[in-house]
Amino acid sequence: MTTSDPSSLSAPLGPPPPFDPALAPALHEINKILPPDAFTDFAFVERTRRGAIGSSTPAPEEAFTKGGTYAVEERTVPGPQGAPDISLLICLPTAASAPTPVLYHIHGGGMMTGNMRDQVPEWLDLMQEFNAAVVSVEYRLAPETKHPGPVEDCYAGLLWTAEHAVELGIDPERIIVAGTSAGGGLAAALALMARDRGGPALSAQMLLCPMLDDRNNTPSARQLTGLGIWDQASNHSAWTALLGDAQGGDDVSPYAAPARATNLSALPPAFVDVGSAETFRDEVITYATRLWHAGGSAELHVWPGGFHGFDTVVPQAALSQDAVAARIRWLRRSLPAST
């Protein structure tokens, strides 16, 4: 069973919210390379996968070790039953004297691009204060692998991480699932899956501009058409890549599109954020609201004038710094600082 989304009801729409003045010039330059509907062109997706779009230089190893603060290794672990093995990037704090929290990371990329190293240096910057480990999963991509392949890969990596907590020196009672965009949607799906399958127990979830709803029909999806770096057309292509003809229909699993879940009770506390000037705005606000309706804990931030992924693209902007600071404050309340 799926839910109807009240935010999709027809209503008069005004013009889109303005972009933050400090972000708009950068967005103008980005759109020369990455137009809002870029992901409708699978040739573009292929070039992105090869690193031919944007920077093709991977982050140096120093970006992951943080001056010796982290020991980094890649490990191959069992995938879902009957599926290939998966890879994990494991970043463990070198100065840990007791089991540490762990952030289990799922990369973004619209379900079609990206890899387990993407965004990890930024997450390590966030987690260093807490002497926390970061484990990032490599999942199979759409359209070659459709649902449930990607989320099952993520779940298999989460299971392995929890089962090997003692070996890794991490605390299995302090596992945070986290991701941005498609990774945020998969993190929300993992929280649902872990609840429904009886584990692993999760202490929190961090959902940054998460991709949650395959129906792609909210006011913000319509209002931001042709704007930003990810619009309704790109979103439609991504969901179709993952779900095929099932996209937008009546039988989409909440493990594919968490907005379809009818029961959001008994989930770990959530940090949820989104820009006011992006496609995902209304589905994210609705999801946080439904977490509250179910008796859950959620901290929601809607960043005025933010486009999709603004904090990563323009990290020096005041709005981006505010967004990062809010995440750190929430983590300080959710995790004890290292001693």
C-alpha atoms as a PDB file:
ATOM      1  CA  MET A   1       0.000   0.000   0.000  1.00  0.00           C
ATOM      2  CA  THR A   2       1.209   3.537  -0.759  1.00  0.00           C
ATOM      3  CA  THR A   3       0.150   6.942   0.420  1.00  0.00           C
ATOM      4  CA  SER A   4      -1.232   9.856  -1.498  1.00  0.00           C
ATOM      5  CA  ASP A   5       0.868  12.986  -1.202  1.00  0.00           C
ATOM      6  CA  PRO A   6      -1.194  16.035  -0.221  1.00  0.00           C
ATOM      7  CA  SER A   7       1.575  18.347  -1.412  1.00  0.00           C
ATOM      8  CA  SER A   8       0.888  17.193  -4.984  1.00  0.00           C
ATOM      9  CA  LEU A   9      -2.629  18.661  -5.070  1.00  0.00           C
ATOM     10  CA  SER A  10      -3.165  21.308  -7.707  1.00  0.00           C
ATOM     11  CA  ALA A  11      -2.803  24.815  -6.349  1.00  0.00           C
ATOM     12  CA  PRO A  12      -1.890  28.171  -7.818  1.00  0.00           C
ATOM     13  CA  LEU A  13       1.877  28.580  -7.919  1.00  0.00           C
ATOM     14  CA  GLY A  14       3.769  31.827  -7.839  1.00  0.00           C
ATOM     15  CA  PRO A  15       7.234  32.307  -9.289  1.00  0.00           C
ATOM     16  CA  PRO A  16      10.032  30.161  -7.868  1.00  0.00           C
ATOM     17  CA  PRO A  17      11.774  31.424  -4.744  1.00  0.00           C
ATOM     18  CA  PRO A  18      14.871  33.480  -5.564  1.00  0.00           C
ATOM     19  CA  PHE A  19      18.300  31.903  -5.229  1.00  0.00           C
ATOM     20  CA  ASP A  20      20.522  33.216  -2.469  1.00  0.00           C
ATOM     21  CA  PRO A  21      22.528  36.139  -3.980  1.00  0.00           C
ATOM     22  CA  ALA A  22      25.829  34.562  -2.936  1.00  0.00           C
ATOM     23  CA  LEU A  23      24.902  31.285  -4.662  1.00  0.00           C
ATOM     24  CA  ALA A  24      23.350  32.574  -7.890  1.00  0.00           C
ATOM     25  CA  PRO A  25      26.612  33.488  -9.727  1.00  0.00           C
ATOM     26  CA  ALA A  26      28.082  30.051  -9.053  1.00  0.00           C
ATOM     27  CA  LEU A  27      24.887  28.373 -10.229  1.00  0.00           C
ATOM     28  CA  HIS A  28      25.046  30.376 -13.480  1.00  0.00           C
ATOM     29  CA  GLU A  29      28.539  28.992 -14.158  1.00  0.00           C
ATOM     30  CA  ILE A  30      27.581  25.454 -13.144  1.00  0.00           C
ATOM     31  CA  ASN A  31      24.620  25.448 -15.533  1.00  0.00           C
ATOM     32  CA  LYS A  32      27.008  25.942 -18.448  1.00  0.00           C
ATOM     33  CA  ILE A  33      28.262  22.421 -17.744  1.00  0.00           C
ATOM     34  CA  LEU A  34      25.353  20.929 -15.820  1.00  0.00           C
ATOM     35  CA  PRO A  35      21.960  22.161 -17.040  1.00  0.00           C
ATOM     36  CA  PRO A  36      18.956  21.378 -14.838  1.00  0.00           C
ATOM     37  CA  ASP A  37      17.716  18.606 -17.147  1.00  0.00           C
ATOM     38  CA  ALA A  38      21.154  17.104 -17.871  1.00  0.00           C
ATOM     39  CA  PHE A  39      20.251  13.665 -16.543  1.00  0.00           C
ATOM     40  CA  THR A  40      17.625  13.170 -19.231  1.00  0.00           C
ATOM     41  CA  ASP A  41      20.569  12.456 -21.581  1.00  0.00           C
ATOM     42  CA  PHE A  42      22.133   9.079 -20.789  1.00  0.00           C
ATOM     43  CA  ALA A  43      25.174  10.007 -22.867  1.00  0.00           C
ATOM     44  CA  PHE A  44      25.720  12.808 -20.346  1.00  0.00           C
ATOM     45  CA  VAL A  45      25.329  10.287 -17.525  1.00  0.00           C
ATOM     46  CA  GLU A  46      27.961   8.056 -19.145  1.00  0.00           C
ATOM     47  CA  ARG A  47      30.404  10.955 -19.476  1.00  0.00           C
ATOM     48  CA  THR A  48      29.790  11.815 -15.824  1.00  0.00           C
ATOM     49  CA  ARG A  49      30.563   8.233 -14.833  1.00  0.00           C
ATOM     50  CA  ARG A  50      33.865   8.417 -16.728  1.00  0.00           C
ATOM     51  CA  GLY A  51      34.778  11.690 -15.043  1.00  0.00           C
ATOM     52  CA  ALA A  52      34.516  13.651 -18.277  1.00  0.00           C
ATOM     53  CA  ILE A  53      32.057  16.140 -16.771  1.00  0.00           C
ATOM     54  CA  GLY A  54      33.479  18.504 -14.186  1.00  0.00           C
ATOM     55  CA  SER A  55      36.658  17.586 -12.359  1.00  0.00           C
ATOM     56  CA  SER A  56      38.061  14.205 -13.391  1.00  0.00           C
ATOM     57  CA  THR A  57      40.770  14.256 -10.712  1.00  0.00           C
ATOM     58  CA  PRO A  58      39.856  12.068  -7.732  1.00  0.00           C
ATOM     59  CA  ALA A  59      40.425  13.425  -4.261  1.00  0.00           C
ATOM     60  CA  PRO A  60      43.970  12.670  -3.028  1.00  0.00           C
ATOM     61  CA  GLU A  61      44.477  10.130  -0.281  1.00  0.00           C
ATOM     62  CA  GLU A  62      45.314  12.957   2.131  1.00  0.00           C
ATOM     63  CA  ALA A  63      41.701  14.106   1.820  1.00  0.00           C
ATOM     64  CA  PHE A  64      40.678  10.834   3.470  1.00  0.00           C
ATOM     65  CA  THR A  65      43.468  10.310   6.002  1.00  0.00           C
ATOM     66  CA  LYS A  66      43.183  13.902   7.290  1.00  0.00           C
ATOM     67  CA  GLY A  67      46.853  14.154   8.201  1.00  0.00           C
ATOM     68  CA  GLY A  68      46.980  10.725   9.802  1.00  0.00           C
ATOM     69  CA  THR A  69      43.764  11.161  11.793  1.00  0.00           C
ATOM     70  CA  TYR A  70      42.176   8.284   9.853  1.00  0.00           C
ATOM     71  CA  ALA A  71      43.387   4.908   8.610  1.00  0.00           C
ATOM     72  CA  VAL A  72      41.700   4.130   5.293  1.00  0.00           C
ATOM     73  CA  GLU A  73      41.136   0.816   3.561  1.00  0.00           C
ATOM     74  CA  GLU A  74      38.871  -0.651   0.914  1.00  0.00           C
ATOM     75  CA  ARG A  75      37.365  -4.018   1.710  1.00  0.00           C
ATOM     76  CA  THR A  76      35.259  -6.425  -0.330  1.00  0.00           C
ATOM     77  CA  VAL A  77      32.395  -7.941   1.661  1.00  0.00           C
ATOM     78  CA  PRO A  78      29.449 -10.212   0.827  1.00  0.00           C
ATOM     79  CA  GLY A  79      26.630  -8.584  -1.093  1.00  0.00           C
ATOM     80  CA  PRO A  80      22.950  -9.517  -0.970  1.00  0.00           C
ATOM     81  CA  GLN A  81      22.097 -13.185  -1.304  1.00  0.00           C
ATOM     82  CA  GLY A  82      22.656 -14.278  -4.893  1.00  0.00           C
ATOM     83  CA  ALA A  83      24.241 -10.940  -5.868  1.00  0.00           C
ATOM     84  CA  PRO A  84      27.873  -9.865  -6.338  1.00  0.00           C
ATOM     85  CA  ASP A  85      30.118  -8.851  -3.470  1.00  0.00           C
ATOM     86  CA  ILE A  86      30.241  -5.160  -2.626  1.00  0.00           C
ATOM     87  CA  SER A  87      33.037  -2.785  -1.651  1.00  0.00           C
ATOM     88  CA  LEU A  88      33.257  -0.643   1.462  1.00  0.00           C
ATOM     89  CA  LEU A  89      35.555   2.304   2.069  1.00  0.00           C
ATOM     90  CA  ILE A  90      36.416   2.098   5.765  1.00  0.00           C
ATOM     91  CA  CYS A  91      37.859   5.159   7.511  1.00  0.00           C
ATOM     92  CA  LEU A  92      38.783   4.459  11.145  1.00  0.00           C
ATOM     93  CA  PRO A  93      40.101   7.062  13.605  1.00  0.00           C
ATOM     94  CA  THR A  94      43.698   6.259  14.497  1.00  0.00           C
ATOM     95  CA  ALA A  95      43.543   7.735  18.009  1.00  0.00           C
ATOM     96  CA  ALA A  96      40.475   5.814  19.212  1.00  0.00           C
ATOM     97  CA  SER A  97      40.902   4.138  22.590  1.00  0.00           C
ATOM     98  CA  ALA A  98      37.314   2.927  22.896  1.00  0.00           C
ATOM     99  CA  PRO A  99      34.572   1.865  20.484  1.00  0.00           C
ATOM    100  CA  THR A 100      33.669   4.873  18.353  1.00  0.00           C
ATOM    101  CA  PRO A 101      30.477   6.015  16.668  1.00  0.00           C
ATOM    102  CA  VAL A 102      30.251   5.256  12.959  1.00  0.00           C
ATOM    103  CA  LEU A 103      28.592   7.165  10.156  1.00  0.00           C
ATOM    104  CA  TYR A 104      27.461   4.752   7.453  1.00  0.00           C
ATOM    105  CA  HIS A 105      27.547   6.799   4.265  1.00  0.00           C
ATOM    106  CA  ILE A 106      25.664   6.383   0.978  1.00  0.00           C
ATOM    107  CA  HIS A 107      26.790   8.539  -1.926  1.00  0.00           C
ATOM    108  CA  GLY A 108      24.546  10.636  -4.149  1.00  0.00           C
ATOM    109  CA  GLY A 109      24.393  10.839  -7.930  1.00  0.00           C
ATOM    110  CA  GLY A 110      20.748  10.378  -8.863  1.00  0.00           C
ATOM    111  CA  MET A 111      20.986   6.567  -8.504  1.00  0.00           C
ATOM    112  CA  MET A 112      22.913   6.593 -11.814  1.00  0.00           C
ATOM    113  CA  THR A 113      26.359   8.019 -11.037  1.00  0.00           C
ATOM    114  CA  GLY A 114      28.864   8.363  -8.219  1.00  0.00           C
ATOM    115  CA  ASN A 115      31.014   6.035  -6.156  1.00  0.00           C
ATOM    116  CA  MET A 116      31.798   5.277  -2.528  1.00  0.00           C
ATOM    117  CA  ARG A 117      34.577   7.921  -2.317  1.00  0.00           C
ATOM    118  CA  ASP A 118      32.285  10.773  -3.315  1.00  0.00           C
ATOM    119  CA  GLN A 119      31.569  13.279  -0.515  1.00  0.00           C
ATOM    120  CA  VAL A 120      33.520  11.212   2.049  1.00  0.00           C
ATOM    121  CA  PRO A 121      36.171  13.911   2.750  1.00  0.00           C
ATOM    122  CA  GLU A 122      33.390  16.355   3.677  1.00  0.00           C
ATOM    123  CA  TRP A 123      31.753  13.792   5.971  1.00  0.00           C
ATOM    124  CA  LEU A 124      35.122  13.101   7.621  1.00  0.00           C
ATOM    125  CA  ASP A 125      35.492  16.835   8.281  1.00  0.00           C
ATOM    126  CA  LEU A 126      32.085  16.725   9.958  1.00  0.00           C
ATOM    127  CA  MET A 127      32.819  13.625  12.052  1.00  0.00           C
ATOM    128  CA  GLN A 128      36.397  14.356  13.187  1.00  0.00           C
ATOM    129  CA  GLU A 129      35.244  16.246  16.276  1.00  0.00           C
ATOM    130  CA  PHE A 130      33.513  13.078  17.483  1.00  0.00           C
ATOM    131  CA  ASN A 131      36.443  10.766  16.725  1.00  0.00           C
ATOM    132  CA  ALA A 132      33.930   8.816  14.650  1.00  0.00           C
ATOM    133  CA  ALA A 133      34.483   6.268  11.926  1.00  0.00           C
ATOM    134  CA  VAL A 134      33.026   6.657   8.432  1.00  0.00           C
ATOM    135  CA  VAL A 135      32.119   3.635   6.305  1.00  0.00           C
ATOM    136  CA  SER A 136      30.973   4.290   2.740  1.00  0.00           C
ATOM    137  CA  VAL A 137      29.287   1.708   0.530  1.00  0.00           C
ATOM    138  CA  GLU A 138      29.651   1.049  -3.212  1.00  0.00           C
ATOM    139  CA  TYR A 139      26.234   0.092  -4.551  1.00  0.00           C
ATOM    140  CA  ARG A 140      25.220  -0.961  -8.047  1.00  0.00           C
ATOM    141  CA  LEU A 141      23.813   1.831 -10.190  1.00  0.00           C
ATOM    142  CA  ALA A 142      20.679   2.237 -12.290  1.00  0.00           C
ATOM    143  CA  PRO A 143      19.589   1.660 -14.993  1.00  0.00           C
ATOM    144  CA  GLU A 144      21.806  -1.437 -15.237  1.00  0.00           C
ATOM    145  CA  THR A 145      20.664  -2.421 -11.728  1.00  0.00           C
ATOM    146  CA  LYS A 146      17.103  -1.557 -10.869  1.00  0.00           C
ATOM    147  CA  HIS A 147      15.382  -1.626  -7.492  1.00  0.00           C
ATOM    148  CA  PRO A 148      15.892  -3.449  -5.166  1.00  0.00           C
ATOM    149  CA  GLY A 149      19.546  -3.940  -6.141  1.00  0.00           C
ATOM    150  CA  PRO A 150      20.968  -0.607  -4.898  1.00  0.00           C
ATOM    151  CA  VAL A 151      19.194  -0.558  -1.526  1.00  0.00           C
ATOM    152  CA  GLU A 152      19.911  -4.245  -0.911  1.00  0.00           C
ATOM    153  CA  ASP A 153      23.615  -3.563  -1.559  1.00  0.00           C
ATOM    154  CA  CYS A 154      23.468  -0.768   1.008  1.00  0.00           C
ATOM    155  CA  TYR A 155      21.722  -3.020   3.518  1.00  0.00           C
ATOM    156  CA  ALA A 156      24.284  -5.795   3.016  1.00  0.00           C
ATOM    157  CA  GLY A 157      27.088  -3.327   3.755  1.00  0.00           C
ATOM    158  CA  LEU A 158      25.269  -2.057   6.831  1.00  0.00           C
ATOM    159  CA  LEU A 159      24.803  -5.609   8.121  1.00  0.00           C
ATOM    160  CA  TRP A 160      28.488  -6.395   7.620  1.00  0.00           C
ATOM    161  CA  THR A 161      29.515  -3.191   9.389  1.00  0.00           C
ATOM    162  CA  ALA A 162      27.351  -3.932  12.413  1.00  0.00           C
ATOM    163  CA  GLU A 163      28.391  -7.593  12.561  1.00  0.00           C
ATOM    164  CA  HIS A 164      32.099  -6.645  12.466  1.00  0.00           C
ATOM    165  CA  ALA A 165      31.837  -3.812  14.981  1.00  0.00           C
ATOM    166  CA  VAL A 166      34.289  -5.361  17.442  1.00  0.00           C
ATOM    167  CA  GLU A 167      36.870  -5.982  14.717  1.00  0.00           C
ATOM    168  CA  LEU A 168      36.524  -2.408  13.473  1.00  0.00           C
ATOM    169  CA  GLY A 169      36.501  -0.838  16.924  1.00  0.00           C
ATOM    170  CA  ILE A 170      33.111   0.786  16.454  1.00  0.00           C
ATOM    171  CA  ASP A 171      30.094   0.953  18.727  1.00  0.00           C
ATOM    172  CA  PRO A 172      27.169  -0.981  17.192  1.00  0.00           C
ATOM    173  CA  GLU A 173      24.756   1.085  19.295  1.00  0.00           C
ATOM    174  CA  ARG A 174      25.917   4.335  17.696  1.00  0.00           C
ATOM    175  CA  ILE A 175      25.423   3.805  13.967  1.00  0.00           C
ATOM    176  CA  ILE A 176      24.200   6.799  11.964  1.00  0.00           C
ATOM    177  CA  VAL A 177      23.033   6.276   8.390  1.00  0.00           C
ATOM    178  CA  ALA A 178      23.614   9.297   6.193  1.00  0.00           C
ATOM    179  CA  GLY A 179      23.578  10.489   2.631  1.00  0.00           C
ATOM    180  CA  THR A 180      22.949  13.362   0.264  1.00  0.00           C
ATOM    181  CA  SER A 181      20.384  13.449  -2.558  1.00  0.00           C
ATOM    182  CA  ALA A 182      19.955   9.869  -3.840  1.00  0.00           C
ATOM    183  CA  GLY A 183      22.145   8.797  -0.928  1.00  0.00           C
ATOM    184  CA  GLY A 184      19.792  10.559   1.469  1.00  0.00           C
ATOM    185  CA  GLY A 185      16.854   8.695  -0.019  1.00  0.00           C
ATOM    186  CA  LEU A 186      18.696   5.394   0.326  1.00  0.00           C
ATOM    187  CA  ALA A 187      19.599   6.271   3.929  1.00  0.00           C
ATOM    188  CA  ALA A 188      15.909   6.866   4.697  1.00  0.00           C
ATOM    189  CA  ALA A 189      15.081   3.557   3.010  1.00  0.00           C
ATOM    190  CA  LEU A 190      17.727   1.790   5.112  1.00  0.00           C
ATOM    191  CA  ALA A 191      16.182   3.168   8.298  1.00  0.00           C
ATOM    192  CA  LEU A 192      12.832   1.699   7.223  1.00  0.00           C
ATOM    193  CA  MET A 193      14.422  -1.590   6.181  1.00  0.00           C
ATOM    194  CA  ALA A 194      16.430  -1.965   9.397  1.00  0.00           C
ATOM    195  CA  ARG A 195      13.288  -1.323  11.448  1.00  0.00           C
ATOM    196  CA  ASP A 196      11.227  -3.815   9.481  1.00  0.00           C
ATOM    197  CA  ARG A 197      13.915  -6.525   9.412  1.00  0.00           C
ATOM    198  CA  GLY A 198      14.779  -6.224  13.078  1.00  0.00           C
ATOM    199  CA  GLY A 199      18.158  -4.560  12.713  1.00  0.00           C
ATOM    200  CA  PRO A 200      20.805  -3.407  12.728  1.00  0.00           C
ATOM    201  CA  ALA A 201      19.769  -0.889  15.354  1.00  0.00           C
ATOM    202  CA  LEU A 202      20.397   2.667  14.189  1.00  0.00           C
ATOM    203  CA  SER A 203      20.948   5.605  16.507  1.00  0.00           C
ATOM    204  CA  ALA A 204      20.136   8.347  13.968  1.00  0.00           C
ATOM    205  CA  GLN A 205      19.686   9.242  10.308  1.00  0.00           C
ATOM    206  CA  MET A 206      21.038  12.265   8.442  1.00  0.00           C
ATOM    207  CA  LEU A 207      19.073  13.001   5.279  1.00  0.00           C
ATOM    208  CA  LEU A 208      20.555  15.884   3.288  1.00  0.00           C
ATOM    209  CA  CYS A 209      18.347  17.109   0.402  1.00  0.00           C
ATOM    210  CA  PRO A 210      17.117  13.506   0.098  1.00  0.00           C
ATOM    211  CA  MET A 211      15.496  12.037  -3.010  1.00  0.00           C
ATOM    212  CA  LEU A 212      12.359  10.478  -1.520  1.00  0.00           C
ATOM    213  CA  ASP A 213       9.373  10.474  -3.885  1.00  0.00           C
ATOM    214  CA  ASP A 214       9.193   8.900  -7.337  1.00  0.00           C
ATOM    215  CA  ARG A 215       5.870  10.620  -8.069  1.00  0.00           C
ATOM    216  CA  ASN A 216       7.803  13.809  -8.848  1.00  0.00           C
ATOM    217  CA  ASN A 217       4.663  15.973  -8.776  1.00  0.00           C
ATOM    218  CA  THR A 218       4.993  18.325  -5.797  1.00  0.00           C
ATOM    219  CA  PRO A 219       4.567  22.093  -6.149  1.00  0.00           C
ATOM    220  CA  SER A 220       8.328  22.563  -5.795  1.00  0.00           C
ATOM    221  CA  ALA A 221       9.017  20.016  -8.537  1.00  0.00           C
ATOM    222  CA  ARG A 222       6.758  21.991 -10.860  1.00  0.00           C
ATOM    223  CA  GLN A 223       7.857  25.407  -9.620  1.00  0.00           C
ATOM    224  CA  LEU A 224      11.583  24.750 -10.134  1.00  0.00           C
ATOM    225  CA  THR A 225      11.279  23.185 -13.597  1.00  0.00           C
ATOM    226  CA  GLY A 226      14.247  24.257 -15.697  1.00  0.00           C
ATOM    227  CA  LEU A 227      16.089  25.763 -12.722  1.00  0.00           C
ATOM    228  CA  GLY A 228      18.930  24.732 -10.422  1.00  0.00           C
ATOM    229  CA  ILE A 229      21.098  21.700 -11.071  1.00  0.00           C
ATOM    230  CA  TRP A 230      18.409  18.997 -10.747  1.00  0.00           C
ATOM    231  CA  ASP A 231      14.920  19.620 -12.034  1.00  0.00           C
ATOM    232  CA  GLN A 232      11.732  17.657 -12.590  1.00  0.00           C
ATOM    233  CA  ALA A 233      12.962  16.261 -15.925  1.00  0.00           C
ATOM    234  CA  SER A 234      16.241  14.926 -14.503  1.00  0.00           C
ATOM    235  CA  ASN A 235      14.335  13.569 -11.525  1.00  0.00           C
ATOM    236  CA  HIS A 236      11.896  11.712 -13.785  1.00  0.00           C
ATOM    237  CA  SER A 237      14.780  10.143 -15.695  1.00  0.00           C
ATOM    238  CA  ALA A 238      16.506   9.031 -12.506  1.00  0.00           C
ATOM    239  CA  TRP A 239      13.416   7.441 -10.998  1.00  0.00           C
ATOM    240  CA  THR A 240      12.628   5.729 -14.307  1.00  0.00           C
ATOM    241  CA  ALA A 241      16.180   4.384 -14.422  1.00  0.00           C
ATOM    242  CA  LEU A 242      15.652   2.864 -10.980  1.00  0.00           C
ATOM    243  CA  LEU A 243      12.036   1.694 -11.296  1.00  0.00           C
ATOM    244  CA  GLY A 244      11.321   1.349 -15.007  1.00  0.00           C
ATOM    245  CA  ASP A 245       7.634   1.394 -15.886  1.00  0.00           C
ATOM    246  CA  ALA A 246       6.685   1.161 -12.206  1.00  0.00           C
ATOM    247  CA  GLN A 247       7.790   4.773 -11.640  1.00  0.00           C
ATOM    248  CA  GLY A 248       4.857   6.868 -10.446  1.00  0.00           C
ATOM    249  CA  GLY A 249       2.512   3.876 -10.225  1.00  0.00           C
ATOM    250  CA  ASP A 250       0.592   2.389  -7.329  1.00  0.00           C
ATOM    251  CA  ASP A 251       2.970  -0.371  -6.268  1.00  0.00           C
ATOM    252  CA  VAL A 252       6.297   1.328  -5.583  1.00  0.00           C
ATOM    253  CA  SER A 253       8.088   0.005  -2.522  1.00  0.00           C
ATOM    254  CA  PRO A 254       8.948   2.373   0.330  1.00  0.00           C
ATOM    255  CA  TYR A 255      12.425   0.831   0.207  1.00  0.00           C
ATOM    256  CA  ALA A 256      12.740   2.448  -3.230  1.00  0.00           C
ATOM    257  CA  ALA A 257      10.869   5.682  -2.488  1.00  0.00           C
ATOM    258  CA  PRO A 258      10.562   6.285   1.279  1.00  0.00           C
ATOM    259  CA  ALA A 259       7.778   8.835   0.744  1.00  0.00           C
ATOM    260  CA  ARG A 260       5.578   5.828  -0.119  1.00  0.00           C
ATOM    261  CA  ALA A 261       5.842   4.394   3.404  1.00  0.00           C
ATOM    262  CA  THR A 262       2.521   4.255   5.244  1.00  0.00           C
ATOM    263  CA  ASN A 263       4.176   3.826   8.659  1.00  0.00           C
ATOM    264  CA  LEU A 264       6.969   6.155   9.783  1.00  0.00           C
ATOM    265  CA  SER A 265       6.839   5.204  13.458  1.00  0.00           C
ATOM    266  CA  ALA A 266       9.716   3.720  15.481  1.00  0.00           C
ATOM    267  CA  LEU A 267      12.421   5.235  13.286  1.00  0.00           C
ATOM    268  CA  PRO A 268      15.680   6.716  14.599  1.00  0.00           C
ATOM    269  CA  PRO A 269      15.916  10.475  15.170  1.00  0.00           C
ATOM    270  CA  ALA A 270      16.427  12.347  11.934  1.00  0.00           C
ATOM    271  CA  PHE A 271      18.276  15.423  10.773  1.00  0.00           C
ATOM    272  CA  VAL A 272      16.663  16.574   7.538  1.00  0.00           C
ATOM    273  CA  ASP A 273      17.579  19.549   5.381  1.00  0.00           C
ATOM    274  CA  VAL A 274      16.790  20.956   1.947  1.00  0.00           C
ATOM    275  CA  GLY A 275      16.990  24.207  -0.007  1.00  0.00           C
ATOM    276  CA  SER A 276      13.926  26.384  -0.519  1.00  0.00           C
ATOM    277  CA  ALA A 277      14.751  26.709  -4.225  1.00  0.00           C
ATOM    278  CA  GLU A 278      15.071  23.067  -5.224  1.00  0.00           C
ATOM    279  CA  THR A 279      12.937  20.291  -6.644  1.00  0.00           C
ATOM    280  CA  PHE A 280      12.963  18.182  -3.478  1.00  0.00           C
ATOM    281  CA  ARG A 281      11.785  20.935  -1.114  1.00  0.00           C
ATOM    282  CA  ASP A 282       8.169  19.884  -0.638  1.00  0.00           C
ATOM    283  CA  GLU A 283       8.665  16.121  -0.514  1.00  0.00           C
ATOM    284  CA  VAL A 284      11.349  16.619   2.161  1.00  0.00           C
ATOM    285  CA  ILE A 285       9.151  18.933   4.236  1.00  0.00           C
ATOM    286  CA  THR A 286       6.273  16.453   3.945  1.00  0.00           C
ATOM    287  CA  TYR A 287       8.499  13.563   5.042  1.00  0.00           C
ATOM    288  CA  ALA A 288       9.733  15.415   8.133  1.00  0.00           C
ATOM    289  CA  THR A 289       6.155  16.398   8.974  1.00  0.00           C
ATOM    290  CA  ARG A 290       5.020  12.797   8.713  1.00  0.00           C
ATOM    291  CA  LEU A 291       7.859  11.712  11.019  1.00  0.00           C
ATOM    292  CA  TRP A 292       6.434  14.122  13.610  1.00  0.00           C
ATOM    293  CA  HIS A 293       2.902  12.892  12.969  1.00  0.00           C
ATOM    294  CA  ALA A 294       4.152   9.347  13.710  1.00  0.00           C
ATOM    295  CA  GLY A 295       5.609  10.478  17.031  1.00  0.00           C
ATOM    296  CA  GLY A 296       9.179  10.593  15.819  1.00  0.00           C
ATOM    297  CA  SER A 297      12.039  13.027  16.277  1.00  0.00           C
ATOM    298  CA  ALA A 298      13.151  15.147  13.336  1.00  0.00           C
ATOM    299  CA  GLU A 299      15.065  18.389  13.014  1.00  0.00           C
ATOM    300  CA  LEU A 300      14.181  20.087   9.730  1.00  0.00           C
ATOM    301  CA  HIS A 301      16.060  22.941   8.058  1.00  0.00           C
ATOM    302  CA  VAL A 302      14.882  24.654   4.876  1.00  0.00           C
ATOM    303  CA  TRP A 303      17.723  26.868   3.678  1.00  0.00           C
ATOM    304  CA  PRO A 304      16.357  30.038   2.025  1.00  0.00           C
ATOM    305  CA  GLY A 305      17.541  30.420  -1.544  1.00  0.00           C
ATOM    306  CA  GLY A 306      19.468  27.154  -1.529  1.00  0.00           C
ATOM    307  CA  PHE A 307      19.586  25.066  -4.703  1.00  0.00           C
ATOM    308  CA  HIS A 308      20.216  21.318  -4.707  1.00  0.00           C
ATOM    309  CA  GLY A 309      23.610  20.559  -3.161  1.00  0.00           C
ATOM    310  CA  PHE A 310      24.469  24.235  -2.693  1.00  0.00           C
ATOM    311  CA  ASP A 311      26.625  23.619   0.380  1.00  0.00           C
ATOM    312  CA  THR A 312      28.935  21.261  -1.528  1.00  0.00           C
ATOM    313  CA  VAL A 313      29.085  23.377  -4.669  1.00  0.00           C
ATOM    314  CA  VAL A 314      29.631  26.746  -2.942  1.00  0.00           C
ATOM    315  CA  PRO A 315      31.076  25.801   0.468  1.00  0.00           C
ATOM    316  CA  GLN A 316      32.410  29.295   1.177  1.00  0.00           C
ATOM    317  CA  ALA A 317      28.960  30.917   1.051  1.00  0.00           C
ATOM    318  CA  ALA A 318      27.471  32.036   4.366  1.00  0.00           C
ATOM    319  CA  LEU A 319      24.366  29.899   3.775  1.00  0.00           C
ATOM    320  CA  SER A 320      26.546  26.821   3.197  1.00  0.00           C
ATOM    321  CA  GLN A 321      28.496  27.473   6.372  1.00  0.00           C
ATOM    322  CA  ASP A 322      25.252  27.875   8.301  1.00  0.00           C
ATOM    323  CA  ALA A 323      24.044  24.526   6.939  1.00  0.00           C
ATOM    324  CA  VAL A 324      27.222  22.730   8.022  1.00  0.00           C
ATOM    325  CA  ALA A 325      27.135  24.404  11.447  1.00  0.00           C
ATOM    326  CA  ALA A 326      23.560  23.195  11.996  1.00  0.00           C
ATOM    327  CA  ARG A 327      24.620  19.610  11.266  1.00  0.00           C
ATOM    328  CA  ILE A 328      27.487  19.847  13.733  1.00  0.00           C
ATOM    329  CA  ARG A 329      25.211  21.237  16.441  1.00  0.00           C
ATOM    330  CA  TRP A 330      22.767  18.390  15.906  1.00  0.00           C
ATOM    331  CA  LEU A 331      25.589  15.830  16.057  1.00  0.00           C
ATOM    332  CA  ARG A 332      26.818  17.351  19.322  1.00  0.00           C
ATOM    333  CA  ARG A 333      23.392  16.735  20.787  1.00  0.00           C
ATOM    334  CA  SER A 334      23.221  13.235  19.307  1.00  0.00           C
ATOM    335  CA  LEU A 335      26.770  12.029  20.011  1.00  0.00           C
ATOM    336  CA  PRO A 336      29.137  12.719  22.896  1.00  0.00           C
ATOM    337  CA  ALA A 337      32.336  14.513  21.938  1.00  0.00           C
ATOM    338  CA  SER A 338      35.481  12.387  22.001  1.00  0.00           C
ATOM    339  CA  THR A 339      37.727  12.569  25.023  1.00  0.00           C
END
